[in-house]
Amino acid sequence: MKVRVSARGAARILARHPWVYKSDVLEGPQTPGLYPVQGPRGSLGLALYNPLSEISVRVFAFEEADSPLEALLANLRQALARRKAALMAEPEGAFRLVHAEGDLLPGLVLDYYAGHGVVQVGSAALEPLTQRFVEVLQDEVAMESLLAKNNHKPRSLEGLPLEVRPLWGRVPDAVTVREGSVLYRANLKEGQKTGAFIDQRDNRIRLEAFGGKTALDVFSYHGSFALHLARGFEQVVAVDSSPSALCRAEENARVNGLGNLITLEANAFEFLRAEERRGARYDLVVLDPPAFAKSRRDLERAYAAYKEINLRALKLLAPGGILATASCSHHLTEPLFYQMLAEAAADAHRSVRVVERRGQGWDHPVLLNVPETHYLKFAILEAL
């Protein structure tokens, strides 16, 4: 059986974008699975197919093979091989071992936390193959346990049940991870994402190079950036709206012997305005907000929200102060991100120098033909 797509769908695949929408599927099987894809001019490769999903076709190989499953598992082994050196060098660290489309494994995410794995399957075509993935992982990666954390939104879109269950070993409630000069406790079962935001790992370590009197980490979660900043600043304030996240931040501060990290439960927008009113000044401010634009229709509202928090943060910076700011929404493209920052700087009446343009870590690979894989923008700015 094959999936036949329209000329428009074929053009997307030929341009090396793996997604074809339901409206461009002319014919296909009734059940999800791995199938060859054919366009008006012939074979286009192999794909995950789900007739119920809006994105019905997700290509994982741009050539046909005798066994679609073996071609998919070959992509998995290659992804793991690319991370092998990092795992051997930092077995107590945290890495993304599989990054969905970025590793030509659509719908599959696998994160490693100091010897424990968390997998998320977001495709109905992949769901029956979970045990095969487990077998490959047991052969290729030394892990004490593997947790299926299948409670994320893509599963609902694929018609899959939401569940969290162990696949092997005893999954601990929390794992201690070493990241640069700090340790943190990642809650695998109940924490956000797979337990932590690994995509910001290298950016957090980068900020260890800065120091001064006061630093502010807004949208801090479990103390992510604040822990690193506390190594170089006399006092660090970690702000988040989640009491449970701040409890973990305090625990992480104790684990690292940091007595200069203060946590504060607050709405970020209200807090930044209040700090401006009282004339507060910081030597460094971090903004790591959630994705304000989760769809294209959210973009205008999200743009205004990103601009608001960056404008307020710039007003809090002492002369020569540093703003480290991020957006994890792929709908806010990199050009729009820097346009927003320029507008915020103008409205704050600050001259701002770009110190460094950064993004997601190397283990979250970007495909140039797939702009959706380039989602994290991270800028280090100096307010003059």
Protein backbone atom coordinates (compact mmCIF):
# COMPACT_ATOMS: atom_id res chain seq x y z
CA MET A 1 0.00 0.00 0.00
CA LYS A 2 1.11 3.54 -0.78
CA VAL A 3 0.12 7.10 0.01
CA ARG A 4 -0.53 9.24 -3.07
CA VAL A 5 -0.13 13.00 -2.72
CA SER A 6 -0.99 15.94 -4.97
CA ALA A 7 1.48 17.94 -7.03
CA ARG A 8 1.53 20.56 -4.26
CA GLY A 9 2.26 17.92 -1.64
CA ALA A 10 4.97 16.42 -3.84
CA ALA A 11 6.56 19.85 -4.28
CA ARG A 12 6.89 20.22 -0.51
CA ILE A 13 8.61 16.85 -0.21
CA LEU A 14 10.92 17.57 -3.16
CA ALA A 15 11.90 20.79 -1.38
CA ARG A 16 12.83 18.54 1.56
CA HIS A 17 10.02 19.59 3.85
CA PRO A 18 8.65 16.40 5.45
CA TRP A 19 5.06 17.51 6.09
CA VAL A 20 2.09 17.03 3.76
CA TYR A 21 -1.34 18.13 4.95
CA LYS A 22 -4.51 16.07 4.73
CA SER A 23 -5.87 18.28 1.94
CA ASP A 24 -2.99 17.20 -0.33
CA VAL A 25 -3.44 13.45 0.22
CA LEU A 26 -5.24 11.93 -2.77
CA GLU A 27 -5.29 8.33 -1.60
CA GLY A 28 -4.00 6.34 1.35
CA PRO A 29 -4.56 3.38 3.67
CA GLN A 30 -7.23 3.49 6.36
CA THR A 31 -4.83 2.70 9.21
CA PRO A 32 -1.80 4.67 10.47
CA GLY A 33 1.63 3.23 9.71
CA LEU A 34 4.86 3.49 7.71
CA TYR A 35 4.20 3.71 3.97
CA PRO A 36 5.87 4.62 0.67
CA VAL A 37 4.78 8.01 -0.68
CA GLN A 38 4.11 8.63 -4.35
CA GLY A 39 3.53 11.87 -6.26
CA PRO A 40 2.40 12.57 -9.83
CA ARG A 41 5.92 11.84 -11.11
CA GLY A 42 6.80 8.82 -8.99
CA SER A 43 8.30 7.82 -5.67
CA LEU A 44 8.98 10.46 -3.02
CA GLY A 45 10.27 8.32 -0.13
CA LEU A 46 8.88 6.86 3.10
CA ALA A 47 6.63 8.48 5.66
CA LEU A 48 4.60 8.13 8.81
CA TYR A 49 0.96 8.30 7.76
CA ASN A 50 -2.17 8.98 9.78
CA PRO A 51 -5.38 9.65 7.82
CA LEU A 52 -6.95 11.28 10.89
CA SER A 53 -4.19 13.84 11.47
CA GLU A 54 -4.18 17.30 9.88
CA ILE A 55 -0.52 16.70 9.03
CA SER A 56 -1.21 13.30 7.50
CA VAL A 57 2.23 12.63 6.00
CA ARG A 58 5.56 13.01 7.83
CA VAL A 59 8.47 11.89 5.67
CA PHE A 60 11.43 10.21 7.38
CA ALA A 61 13.33 9.03 4.28
CA PHE A 62 13.47 10.69 0.88
CA GLU A 63 14.20 7.41 -0.90
CA GLU A 64 12.32 4.13 -0.81
CA ALA A 65 13.72 1.09 1.01
CA ASP A 66 12.88 -2.61 1.16
CA SER A 67 11.83 -2.23 4.80
CA PRO A 68 10.36 1.10 5.96
CA LEU A 69 10.76 -0.02 9.58
CA GLU A 70 14.47 -0.78 9.17
CA ALA A 71 14.96 2.60 7.48
CA LEU A 72 13.30 4.29 10.44
CA LEU A 73 15.37 2.34 12.97
CA ALA A 74 18.52 3.26 11.02
CA ASN A 75 17.64 6.94 11.55
CA LEU A 76 17.28 6.20 15.26
CA ARG A 77 20.68 4.53 15.49
CA GLN A 78 22.30 7.41 13.59
CA ALA A 79 20.75 9.96 15.95
CA LEU A 80 22.08 8.07 18.97
CA ALA A 81 25.53 7.74 17.38
CA ARG A 82 25.73 11.53 16.92
CA ARG A 83 25.32 11.97 20.69
CA LYS A 84 27.56 9.11 21.81
CA ALA A 85 30.67 11.21 22.43
CA ALA A 86 28.72 13.71 24.56
CA LEU A 87 27.18 10.94 26.65
CA MET A 88 30.56 9.36 27.27
CA ALA A 89 32.09 12.72 28.24
CA GLU A 90 29.20 13.79 30.52
CA PRO A 91 27.26 10.75 31.76
CA GLU A 92 25.78 12.86 34.58
CA GLY A 93 24.51 15.51 32.17
CA ALA A 94 21.26 15.96 30.25
CA PHE A 95 20.93 15.74 26.47
CA ARG A 96 18.32 15.32 23.78
CA LEU A 97 19.08 12.03 22.07
CA VAL A 98 16.29 12.23 19.48
CA HIS A 99 14.85 15.52 18.21
CA ALA A 100 11.90 14.49 16.03
CA GLU A 101 12.10 16.07 12.54
CA GLY A 102 15.59 17.40 13.30
CA ASP A 103 16.81 13.79 13.31
CA LEU A 104 14.42 12.59 10.57
CA LEU A 105 12.34 10.88 13.25
CA PRO A 106 9.04 12.80 13.16
CA GLY A 107 6.90 12.40 16.25
CA LEU A 108 9.68 10.96 18.42
CA VAL A 109 11.53 12.75 21.23
CA LEU A 110 14.00 11.14 23.62
CA ASP A 111 15.80 12.95 26.43
CA TYR A 112 18.59 11.65 28.68
CA TYR A 113 18.96 12.72 32.31
CA ALA A 114 22.04 11.35 34.06
CA GLY A 115 21.42 7.71 33.19
CA HIS A 116 17.64 7.86 32.87
CA GLY A 117 15.59 8.33 29.70
CA VAL A 118 12.25 9.98 28.92
CA VAL A 119 10.56 9.27 25.59
CA GLN A 120 7.57 10.97 23.99
CA VAL A 121 5.75 9.37 21.06
CA GLY A 122 3.56 11.85 19.21
CA SER A 123 2.49 9.85 16.16
CA ALA A 124 -0.14 7.14 15.75
CA ALA A 125 2.12 5.52 13.16
CA LEU A 126 4.90 5.16 15.75
CA GLU A 127 2.79 4.03 18.69
CA PRO A 128 2.83 0.29 17.80
CA LEU A 129 6.62 0.46 17.35
CA THR A 130 7.42 1.53 20.90
CA GLN A 131 8.85 -1.87 21.86
CA ARG A 132 11.16 -1.85 18.83
CA PHE A 133 12.49 1.54 19.90
CA VAL A 134 13.05 0.17 23.39
CA GLU A 135 15.08 -2.74 21.99
CA VAL A 136 17.33 -0.37 20.02
CA LEU A 137 17.83 1.89 23.03
CA GLN A 138 18.75 -1.03 25.27
CA ASP A 139 21.43 -2.00 22.75
CA GLU A 140 22.78 1.49 22.11
CA VAL A 141 22.47 3.58 25.31
CA ALA A 142 23.37 2.77 28.90
CA MET A 143 20.31 3.83 30.89
CA GLU A 144 18.92 2.59 34.20
CA SER A 145 15.32 3.38 33.28
CA LEU A 146 13.08 4.66 30.52
CA LEU A 147 9.83 6.56 31.08
CA ALA A 148 7.14 7.02 28.43
CA LYS A 149 5.83 10.52 29.16
CA ASN A 150 3.03 10.54 26.64
CA ASN A 151 0.88 13.30 28.09
CA HIS A 152 1.62 16.01 25.54
CA LYS A 153 -0.78 17.74 23.12
CA PRO A 154 0.38 16.12 19.82
CA ARG A 155 -0.98 12.77 21.02
CA SER A 156 -4.49 14.19 21.28
CA LEU A 157 -4.19 15.53 17.73
CA GLU A 158 -3.20 12.02 16.61
CA GLY A 159 -6.10 10.36 18.42
CA LEU A 160 -3.80 8.72 21.00
CA PRO A 161 -4.43 8.31 24.74
CA LEU A 162 -2.52 10.41 27.27
CA GLU A 163 -0.42 8.31 29.64
CA VAL A 164 2.76 8.23 31.71
CA ARG A 165 4.27 4.79 32.31
CA PRO A 166 7.68 3.14 32.80
CA LEU A 167 9.04 1.13 29.87
CA TRP A 168 11.93 -0.38 31.78
CA GLY A 169 13.73 -0.10 35.10
CA ARG A 170 12.71 1.87 38.17
CA VAL A 171 12.01 5.48 37.24
CA PRO A 172 12.96 7.83 40.10
CA ASP A 173 10.79 10.80 41.01
CA ALA A 174 13.74 13.13 40.43
CA VAL A 175 17.23 12.84 38.98
CA THR A 176 20.29 14.95 39.86
CA VAL A 177 21.84 16.39 36.69
CA ARG A 178 25.21 18.12 36.36
CA GLU A 179 25.17 21.16 34.05
CA GLY A 180 28.35 23.18 33.83
CA SER A 181 29.28 24.12 37.39
CA VAL A 182 25.87 23.45 38.93
CA LEU A 183 23.63 20.54 39.86
CA TYR A 184 19.86 20.50 39.52
CA ARG A 185 17.07 18.07 40.32
CA ALA A 186 14.90 17.21 37.30
CA ASN A 187 11.42 15.89 38.05
CA LEU A 188 10.90 13.38 35.24
CA LYS A 189 7.35 12.31 36.03
CA GLU A 190 5.73 15.64 36.87
CA GLY A 191 8.07 18.36 35.60
CA GLN A 192 7.42 20.40 32.47
CA LYS A 193 8.36 18.91 29.08
CA THR A 194 10.35 15.75 29.79
CA GLY A 195 11.60 17.09 33.13
CA ALA A 196 13.63 20.18 32.24
CA PHE A 197 14.31 22.58 29.37
CA ILE A 198 17.40 20.96 27.91
CA ASP A 199 17.39 23.19 24.82
CA GLN A 200 18.67 26.11 26.96
CA ARG A 201 21.53 24.11 28.54
CA ASP A 202 24.36 25.75 26.59
CA ASN A 203 22.87 29.23 27.05
CA ARG A 204 22.65 28.74 30.81
CA ILE A 205 26.29 27.65 30.94
CA ARG A 206 27.26 30.64 28.77
CA LEU A 207 25.89 33.07 31.36
CA GLU A 208 28.28 31.71 34.00
CA ALA A 209 30.87 34.03 32.40
CA PHE A 210 29.04 37.11 33.72
CA GLY A 211 29.21 38.58 37.20
CA GLY A 212 28.22 41.61 39.23
CA LYS A 213 26.04 42.71 42.13
CA THR A 214 22.46 41.81 41.20
CA ALA A 215 20.82 39.53 38.64
CA LEU A 216 17.18 38.75 37.88
CA ASP A 217 15.86 35.51 36.35
CA VAL A 218 12.25 35.91 35.16
CA PHE A 219 10.20 32.82 34.27
CA SER A 220 12.80 30.93 36.28
CA TYR A 221 11.04 27.54 36.54
CA HIS A 222 13.24 25.45 38.89
CA GLY A 223 16.01 28.05 39.01
CA SER A 224 17.32 27.27 35.55
CA PHE A 225 19.44 30.35 34.81
CA ALA A 226 19.48 31.64 38.39
CA LEU A 227 21.61 28.73 39.61
CA HIS A 228 24.35 29.56 37.10
CA LEU A 229 24.13 33.30 37.76
CA ALA A 230 24.48 32.76 41.51
CA ARG A 231 28.07 31.67 40.88
CA GLY A 232 29.04 35.15 39.67
CA PHE A 233 26.55 37.61 41.20
CA GLU A 234 26.24 38.73 44.81
CA GLN A 235 22.46 38.35 44.76
CA VAL A 236 20.10 36.63 42.30
CA VAL A 237 16.30 36.88 42.30
CA ALA A 238 14.37 34.01 40.65
CA VAL A 239 10.78 34.90 39.69
CA ASP A 240 8.08 32.45 38.65
CA SER A 241 4.30 32.14 39.01
CA SER A 242 4.48 28.48 40.07
CA PRO A 243 4.97 27.78 43.80
CA SER A 244 6.01 24.18 43.12
CA ALA A 245 8.64 25.30 40.59
CA LEU A 246 10.06 27.76 43.10
CA CYS A 247 10.19 25.05 45.77
CA ARG A 248 12.37 23.06 43.39
CA ALA A 249 14.49 26.17 42.76
CA GLU A 250 15.07 26.49 46.50
CA GLU A 251 15.95 22.81 46.70
CA ASN A 252 18.40 23.22 43.82
CA ALA A 253 19.98 26.21 45.54
CA ARG A 254 20.51 24.09 48.67
CA VAL A 255 22.01 21.25 46.63
CA ASN A 256 24.57 23.73 45.28
CA GLY A 257 25.20 25.46 48.60
CA LEU A 258 23.95 28.79 47.24
CA GLY A 259 22.76 31.22 49.89
CA ASN A 260 22.48 34.22 47.55
CA LEU A 261 19.49 33.02 45.50
CA ILE A 262 16.10 34.49 46.44
CA THR A 263 12.84 33.11 45.01
CA LEU A 264 9.73 35.20 44.44
CA GLU A 265 6.27 34.04 43.35
CA ALA A 266 4.81 36.65 41.01
CA ASN A 267 3.24 37.34 37.64
CA ALA A 268 6.15 38.35 35.42
CA PHE A 269 4.40 41.27 33.74
CA GLU A 270 3.18 42.75 37.02
CA PHE A 271 6.54 42.18 38.71
CA LEU A 272 8.54 43.94 35.98
CA ARG A 273 6.22 46.97 36.07
CA ALA A 274 6.42 47.10 39.87
CA GLU A 275 10.22 46.94 39.80
CA GLU A 276 10.31 49.80 37.32
CA ARG A 277 8.04 51.91 39.54
CA ARG A 278 10.30 51.42 42.56
CA GLY A 279 13.42 52.29 40.53
CA ALA A 280 15.10 48.89 40.84
CA ARG A 281 18.33 48.29 38.92
CA TYR A 282 19.97 45.01 37.94
CA ASP A 283 23.30 44.20 36.33
CA LEU A 284 21.79 41.30 34.39
CA VAL A 285 18.23 40.24 33.56
CA VAL A 286 17.17 36.92 32.02
CA LEU A 287 13.83 36.54 30.23
CA ASP A 288 12.94 32.96 29.32
CA PRO A 289 9.17 33.07 28.79
CA PRO A 290 6.91 30.28 27.56
CA ALA A 291 5.79 30.28 23.93
CA PHE A 292 3.37 33.20 23.72
CA ALA A 293 2.59 32.33 20.07
CA LYS A 294 1.49 28.70 19.85
CA SER A 295 -0.19 29.29 16.49
CA ARG A 296 0.09 31.84 13.71
CA ARG A 297 -3.14 33.52 14.78
CA ASP A 298 -1.54 34.26 18.19
CA LEU A 299 1.41 36.13 16.67
CA GLU A 300 0.19 39.73 16.93
CA ARG A 301 -0.78 39.36 20.57
CA ALA A 302 2.40 37.43 21.34
CA TYR A 303 4.60 40.04 19.64
CA ALA A 304 3.14 42.71 21.91
CA ALA A 305 3.70 40.53 24.99
CA TYR A 306 7.34 39.82 24.10
CA LYS A 307 7.92 43.52 23.45
CA GLU A 308 6.33 44.47 26.77
CA ILE A 309 8.54 42.25 28.93
CA ASN A 310 11.72 43.18 27.04
CA LEU A 311 10.95 46.89 27.25
CA ARG A 312 10.40 46.61 31.02
CA ALA A 313 13.57 44.54 31.46
CA LEU A 314 15.66 47.09 29.55
CA LYS A 315 14.40 49.84 31.86
CA LEU A 316 15.63 47.84 34.86
CA LEU A 317 19.21 47.49 33.62
CA ALA A 318 22.04 49.52 35.08
CA PRO A 319 24.34 51.22 32.54
CA GLY A 320 26.30 48.47 30.82
CA GLY A 321 23.82 45.89 32.08
CA ILE A 322 23.12 42.65 30.23
CA LEU A 323 19.77 41.39 28.97
CA ALA A 324 19.67 37.69 28.06
CA THR A 325 16.34 37.13 26.36
CA ALA A 326 14.64 34.26 24.57
CA SER A 327 11.63 33.19 22.55
CA CYS A 328 10.75 29.53 22.02
CA SER A 329 7.93 30.16 19.53
CA HIS A 330 8.83 29.22 15.94
CA HIS A 331 6.01 31.50 14.74
CA LEU A 332 8.07 34.46 15.99
CA THR A 333 10.87 34.12 13.44
CA GLU A 334 14.42 35.28 14.12
CA PRO A 335 14.01 38.48 12.04
CA LEU A 336 10.79 39.29 13.91
CA PHE A 337 12.48 38.53 17.23
CA TYR A 338 15.26 41.07 16.61
CA GLN A 339 12.78 43.58 15.17
CA MET A 340 10.78 43.29 18.39
CA LEU A 341 13.93 43.81 20.48
CA ALA A 342 14.87 46.90 18.46
CA GLU A 343 11.40 48.37 19.02
CA ALA A 344 11.59 47.59 22.74
CA ALA A 345 15.00 49.29 22.96
CA ALA A 346 13.69 52.39 21.15
CA ASP A 347 10.65 52.63 23.43
CA ALA A 348 12.88 52.17 26.49
CA HIS A 349 15.17 54.96 25.19
CA ARG A 350 18.21 52.68 25.49
CA SER A 351 21.01 52.11 23.02
CA VAL A 352 21.55 48.36 22.91
CA ARG A 353 24.50 46.39 21.57
CA VAL A 354 24.13 42.79 20.41
CA VAL A 355 26.77 40.81 22.28
CA GLU A 356 25.83 37.40 20.93
CA ARG A 357 23.09 35.71 18.87
CA ARG A 358 22.38 32.19 20.07
CA GLY A 359 19.70 29.52 19.87
CA GLN A 360 18.86 25.96 20.84
CA GLY A 361 21.61 23.51 21.77
CA TRP A 362 23.46 21.38 19.23
CA ASP A 363 21.47 18.32 20.30
CA HIS A 364 18.28 20.02 19.05
CA PRO A 365 19.32 20.08 15.36
CA VAL A 366 17.78 22.48 12.86
CA LEU A 367 16.92 21.45 9.30
CA LEU A 368 17.32 24.44 6.98
CA ASN A 369 14.41 23.25 4.83
CA VAL A 370 12.14 22.92 7.87
CA PRO A 371 11.83 26.33 9.58
CA GLU A 372 9.66 24.78 12.30
CA THR A 373 12.78 23.04 13.68
CA HIS A 374 14.40 26.44 14.38
CA TYR A 375 12.24 27.58 17.25
CA LEU A 376 14.54 28.94 19.99
CA LYS A 377 16.02 32.40 19.68
CA PHE A 378 18.38 33.64 22.40
CA ALA A 379 20.06 37.04 22.44
CA ILE A 380 22.66 38.45 24.81
CA LEU A 381 22.39 42.24 24.73
CA GLU A 382 24.24 45.10 26.45
CA ALA A 383 22.27 48.20 27.40
CA LEU A 384 24.54 51.23 27.04
